[in-house]
Amino acid sequence: DFECPYCAAANQGLQDLLAKYPSQIRFVYRHFPLTGIHSNAFRAAEASECAGEQKSFWEMHDILFSNQNALNEEDLFQYASVIGLDMDYFNTCMTSGKVKTAIEQDIADGQKYGVNGTPTFFLNNKMFMSLSDLEGAVQEALTKP
């Protein structure tokens, strides 16, 4: 959830964890915008996926988390321009609903697996609600034969 302050706070620690174990961790990003409390989160998720269509998911991801208090429609298009996206393609993606189904599927999958808040992490099919718990589980998993 790009509007979730806890997700933003966890983001740097997660980046550090991934840098510490670059070849041991496979990281998969899934969306879970809490639209009941974060009115711009779903559109921000769409913007990240539309950026991903142009191989710029992580660039958009980073700019969205860096600007959590400015995620309205105009802001999203500004960020797309800043990271150098093809604006016609981005506009078409954002207006077509092309990525909406994938985000809705992420939400449904999260609900199926018991996610009810953000951030939520999974490691070897076990759910973690805090980065510190995840870090400990990663270290434990890597020490097991």
C-alpha atoms as a PDB file:
ATOM      1  CA  ASP A   1       0.000   0.000   0.000  1.00  0.00           C
ATOM      2  CA  PHE A   2       1.832   3.064  -1.286  1.00  0.00           C
ATOM      3  CA  GLU A   3      -0.118   5.313   1.098  1.00  0.00           C
ATOM      4  CA  CYS A   4       0.661   3.225   4.189  1.00  0.00           C
ATOM      5  CA  PRO A   5       3.250   4.932   6.418  1.00  0.00           C
ATOM      6  CA  TYR A   6       4.241   1.566   7.910  1.00  0.00           C
ATOM      7  CA  CYS A   7       4.970   0.217   4.428  1.00  0.00           C
ATOM      8  CA  ALA A   8       7.152   3.210   3.671  1.00  0.00           C
ATOM      9  CA  ALA A   9       8.991   2.767   6.963  1.00  0.00           C
ATOM     10  CA  ALA A  10       9.556  -0.929   6.245  1.00  0.00           C
ATOM     11  CA  ASN A  11      10.714  -0.264   2.691  1.00  0.00           C
ATOM     12  CA  GLN A  12      14.247   0.860   3.546  1.00  0.00           C
ATOM     13  CA  GLY A  13      14.797  -1.986   5.963  1.00  0.00           C
ATOM     14  CA  LEU A  14      13.527  -4.417   3.364  1.00  0.00           C
ATOM     15  CA  GLN A  15      15.927  -2.983   0.785  1.00  0.00           C
ATOM     16  CA  ASP A  16      18.759  -3.427   3.290  1.00  0.00           C
ATOM     17  CA  LEU A  17      17.719  -7.048   3.919  1.00  0.00           C
ATOM     18  CA  LEU A  18      17.609  -7.791   0.183  1.00  0.00           C
ATOM     19  CA  ALA A  19      21.035  -6.178  -0.280  1.00  0.00           C
ATOM     20  CA  LYS A  20      22.427  -8.285   2.556  1.00  0.00           C
ATOM     21  CA  TYR A  21      21.227 -11.530   0.951  1.00  0.00           C
ATOM     22  CA  PRO A  22      21.132 -10.737  -2.781  1.00  0.00           C
ATOM     23  CA  SER A  23      21.292 -14.299  -4.036  1.00  0.00           C
ATOM     24  CA  GLN A  24      19.483 -16.044  -1.182  1.00  0.00           C
ATOM     25  CA  ILE A  25      16.132 -14.215  -1.209  1.00  0.00           C
ATOM     26  CA  ARG A  26      13.577 -14.212  -3.990  1.00  0.00           C
ATOM     27  CA  PHE A  27      11.382 -11.160  -3.456  1.00  0.00           C
ATOM     28  CA  VAL A  28       7.898 -10.959  -4.951  1.00  0.00           C
ATOM     29  CA  TYR A  29       5.941  -7.725  -4.604  1.00  0.00           C
ATOM     30  CA  ARG A  30       2.159  -7.956  -4.302  1.00  0.00           C
ATOM     31  CA  HIS A  31      -0.320  -5.116  -3.910  1.00  0.00           C
ATOM     32  CA  PHE A  32      -2.735  -4.764  -0.997  1.00  0.00           C
ATOM     33  CA  PRO A  33      -4.054  -1.184  -1.082  1.00  0.00           C
ATOM     34  CA  LEU A  34      -6.203  -0.423   1.957  1.00  0.00           C
ATOM     35  CA  THR A  35      -8.739   1.628   0.027  1.00  0.00           C
ATOM     36  CA  GLY A  36     -11.002   2.121   3.028  1.00  0.00           C
ATOM     37  CA  ILE A  37      -8.408   4.368   4.662  1.00  0.00           C
ATOM     38  CA  HIS A  38      -6.070   5.252   1.781  1.00  0.00           C
ATOM     39  CA  SER A  39      -8.070   6.829  -1.023  1.00  0.00           C
ATOM     40  CA  ASN A  40      -5.141   7.087  -3.452  1.00  0.00           C
ATOM     41  CA  ALA A  41      -3.564   3.703  -2.802  1.00  0.00           C
ATOM     42  CA  PHE A  42      -5.294   1.752  -5.564  1.00  0.00           C
ATOM     43  CA  ARG A  43      -4.480   4.317  -8.261  1.00  0.00           C
ATOM     44  CA  ALA A  44      -0.897   4.442  -6.998  1.00  0.00           C
ATOM     45  CA  ALA A  45      -0.725   0.659  -7.361  1.00  0.00           C
ATOM     46  CA  GLU A  46      -2.033   1.024 -10.906  1.00  0.00           C
ATOM     47  CA  ALA A  47       0.612   3.657 -11.628  1.00  0.00           C
ATOM     48  CA  SER A  48       3.344   1.312 -10.408  1.00  0.00           C
ATOM     49  CA  GLU A  49       2.063  -1.499 -12.601  1.00  0.00           C
ATOM     50  CA  CYS A  50       1.699   0.793 -15.614  1.00  0.00           C
ATOM     51  CA  ALA A  51       5.286   1.892 -15.013  1.00  0.00           C
ATOM     52  CA  GLY A  52       6.178  -1.785 -14.807  1.00  0.00           C
ATOM     53  CA  GLU A  53       4.749  -2.222 -18.292  1.00  0.00           C
ATOM     54  CA  GLN A  54       7.661   0.008 -19.329  1.00  0.00           C
ATOM     55  CA  LYS A  55      10.211  -1.815 -17.134  1.00  0.00           C
ATOM     56  CA  SER A  56      10.134   0.969 -14.519  1.00  0.00           C
ATOM     57  CA  PHE A  57       8.164  -0.587 -11.656  1.00  0.00           C
ATOM     58  CA  TRP A  58      10.900  -0.058  -9.072  1.00  0.00           C
ATOM     59  CA  GLU A  59      11.528   3.529 -10.106  1.00  0.00           C
ATOM     60  CA  MET A  60       7.818   4.304  -9.681  1.00  0.00           C
ATOM     61  CA  HIS A  61       7.713   2.260  -6.457  1.00  0.00           C
ATOM     62  CA  ASP A  62      10.490   4.382  -4.981  1.00  0.00           C
ATOM     63  CA  ILE A  63       9.031   7.726  -6.027  1.00  0.00           C
ATOM     64  CA  LEU A  64       5.579   6.784  -4.707  1.00  0.00           C
ATOM     65  CA  PHE A  65       6.944   5.834  -1.288  1.00  0.00           C
ATOM     66  CA  SER A  66       9.053   8.998  -1.235  1.00  0.00           C
ATOM     67  CA  ASN A  67       5.969  11.119  -1.903  1.00  0.00           C
ATOM     68  CA  GLN A  68       3.232   9.398   0.090  1.00  0.00           C
ATOM     69  CA  ASN A  69       1.437  12.635   0.854  1.00  0.00           C
ATOM     70  CA  ALA A  70       1.119  13.533  -2.829  1.00  0.00           C
ATOM     71  CA  LEU A  71      -0.521  10.638  -4.665  1.00  0.00           C
ATOM     72  CA  ASN A  72      -3.431  12.204  -6.477  1.00  0.00           C
ATOM     73  CA  GLU A  73      -3.972  11.619 -10.180  1.00  0.00           C
ATOM     74  CA  GLU A  74      -1.963  14.657 -11.260  1.00  0.00           C
ATOM     75  CA  ASP A  75       0.932  13.620  -9.021  1.00  0.00           C
ATOM     76  CA  LEU A  76       1.008  10.096 -10.481  1.00  0.00           C
ATOM     77  CA  PHE A  77       1.299  11.463 -14.004  1.00  0.00           C
ATOM     78  CA  GLN A  78       3.995  13.903 -12.901  1.00  0.00           C
ATOM     79  CA  TYR A  79       6.032  11.047 -11.406  1.00  0.00           C
ATOM     80  CA  ALA A  80       5.635   9.052 -14.616  1.00  0.00           C
ATOM     81  CA  SER A  81       7.080  11.988 -16.517  1.00  0.00           C
ATOM     82  CA  VAL A  82       9.916  12.461 -14.003  1.00  0.00           C
ATOM     83  CA  ILE A  83      11.071   8.845 -14.395  1.00  0.00           C
ATOM     84  CA  GLY A  84      10.932   9.177 -18.165  1.00  0.00           C
ATOM     85  CA  LEU A  85       7.985   6.996 -19.106  1.00  0.00           C
ATOM     86  CA  ASP A  86       6.312   7.119 -22.496  1.00  0.00           C
ATOM     87  CA  MET A  87       3.412   9.319 -21.387  1.00  0.00           C
ATOM     88  CA  ASP A  88       1.014   8.249 -24.131  1.00  0.00           C
ATOM     89  CA  TYR A  89       1.494   4.608 -23.173  1.00  0.00           C
ATOM     90  CA  PHE A  90       1.221   5.421 -19.458  1.00  0.00           C
ATOM     91  CA  ASN A  91      -1.968   7.421 -20.017  1.00  0.00           C
ATOM     92  CA  THR A  92      -3.517   4.603 -22.045  1.00  0.00           C
ATOM     93  CA  CYS A  93      -2.601   2.081 -19.362  1.00  0.00           C
ATOM     94  CA  MET A  94      -4.002   4.245 -16.562  1.00  0.00           C
ATOM     95  CA  THR A  95      -7.270   5.019 -18.356  1.00  0.00           C
ATOM     96  CA  SER A  96      -7.904   1.552 -19.768  1.00  0.00           C
ATOM     97  CA  GLY A  97      -7.978  -0.323 -16.468  1.00  0.00           C
ATOM     98  CA  LYS A  98      -5.439  -2.709 -18.001  1.00  0.00           C
ATOM     99  CA  VAL A  99      -3.721  -3.538 -14.691  1.00  0.00           C
ATOM    100  CA  LYS A 100      -6.772  -3.284 -12.418  1.00  0.00           C
ATOM    101  CA  THR A 101      -7.549  -7.003 -12.558  1.00  0.00           C
ATOM    102  CA  ALA A 102      -4.019  -7.966 -11.528  1.00  0.00           C
ATOM    103  CA  ILE A 103      -4.177  -5.680  -8.489  1.00  0.00           C
ATOM    104  CA  GLU A 104      -7.614  -6.996  -7.551  1.00  0.00           C
ATOM    105  CA  GLN A 105      -6.175 -10.519  -7.796  1.00  0.00           C
ATOM    106  CA  ASP A 106      -3.322  -9.543  -5.458  1.00  0.00           C
ATOM    107  CA  ILE A 107      -5.898  -8.293  -2.952  1.00  0.00           C
ATOM    108  CA  ALA A 108      -7.997 -11.454  -3.247  1.00  0.00           C
ATOM    109  CA  ASP A 109      -4.912 -13.648  -2.847  1.00  0.00           C
ATOM    110  CA  GLY A 110      -3.845 -11.669   0.200  1.00  0.00           C
ATOM    111  CA  GLN A 111      -7.264 -12.068   1.788  1.00  0.00           C
ATOM    112  CA  LYS A 112      -7.177 -15.793   1.035  1.00  0.00           C
ATOM    113  CA  TYR A 113      -3.879 -16.083   2.901  1.00  0.00           C
ATOM    114  CA  GLY A 114      -5.061 -14.056   5.889  1.00  0.00           C
ATOM    115  CA  VAL A 115      -3.631 -10.635   5.102  1.00  0.00           C
ATOM    116  CA  ASN A 116      -5.637  -7.887   6.761  1.00  0.00           C
ATOM    117  CA  GLY A 117      -3.062  -5.126   7.131  1.00  0.00           C
ATOM    118  CA  THR A 118       0.100  -3.719   5.646  1.00  0.00           C
ATOM    119  CA  PRO A 119       2.920  -4.331   5.424  1.00  0.00           C
ATOM    120  CA  THR A 120       2.705  -8.103   5.428  1.00  0.00           C
ATOM    121  CA  PHE A 121       5.516 -10.420   4.432  1.00  0.00           C
ATOM    122  CA  PHE A 122       5.677 -14.132   3.697  1.00  0.00           C
ATOM    123  CA  LEU A 123       8.713 -16.356   3.965  1.00  0.00           C
ATOM    124  CA  ASN A 124       8.395 -20.045   3.160  1.00  0.00           C
ATOM    125  CA  ASN A 125       4.603 -19.850   3.478  1.00  0.00           C
ATOM    126  CA  LYS A 126       4.715 -18.208   6.915  1.00  0.00           C
ATOM    127  CA  MET A 127       3.233 -14.738   7.447  1.00  0.00           C
ATOM    128  CA  PHE A 128       5.087 -11.911   9.204  1.00  0.00           C
ATOM    129  CA  MET A 129       3.633  -8.532  10.121  1.00  0.00           C
ATOM    130  CA  SER A 130       6.900  -6.876  11.079  1.00  0.00           C
ATOM    131  CA  LEU A 131      10.193  -6.470   9.322  1.00  0.00           C
ATOM    132  CA  SER A 132      12.156  -7.424  12.433  1.00  0.00           C
ATOM    133  CA  ASP A 133      10.316 -10.762  12.645  1.00  0.00           C
ATOM    134  CA  LEU A 134      10.965 -11.324   8.950  1.00  0.00           C
ATOM    135  CA  GLU A 135      14.668 -10.546   9.358  1.00  0.00           C
ATOM    136  CA  GLY A 136      14.959 -13.072  12.156  1.00  0.00           C
ATOM    137  CA  ALA A 137      13.141 -15.703  10.105  1.00  0.00           C
ATOM    138  CA  VAL A 138      15.416 -15.077   7.119  1.00  0.00           C
ATOM    139  CA  GLN A 139      18.518 -15.513   9.254  1.00  0.00           C
ATOM    140  CA  GLU A 140      17.096 -18.686  10.786  1.00  0.00           C
ATOM    141  CA  ALA A 141      16.100 -20.102   7.380  1.00  0.00           C
ATOM    142  CA  LEU A 142      19.549 -19.440   5.961  1.00  0.00           C
ATOM    143  CA  THR A 143      21.304 -21.240   8.810  1.00  0.00           C
ATOM    144  CA  LYS A 144      19.279 -24.428   8.394  1.00  0.00           C
ATOM    145  CA  PRO A 145      20.826 -27.085   6.173  1.00  0.00           C
END
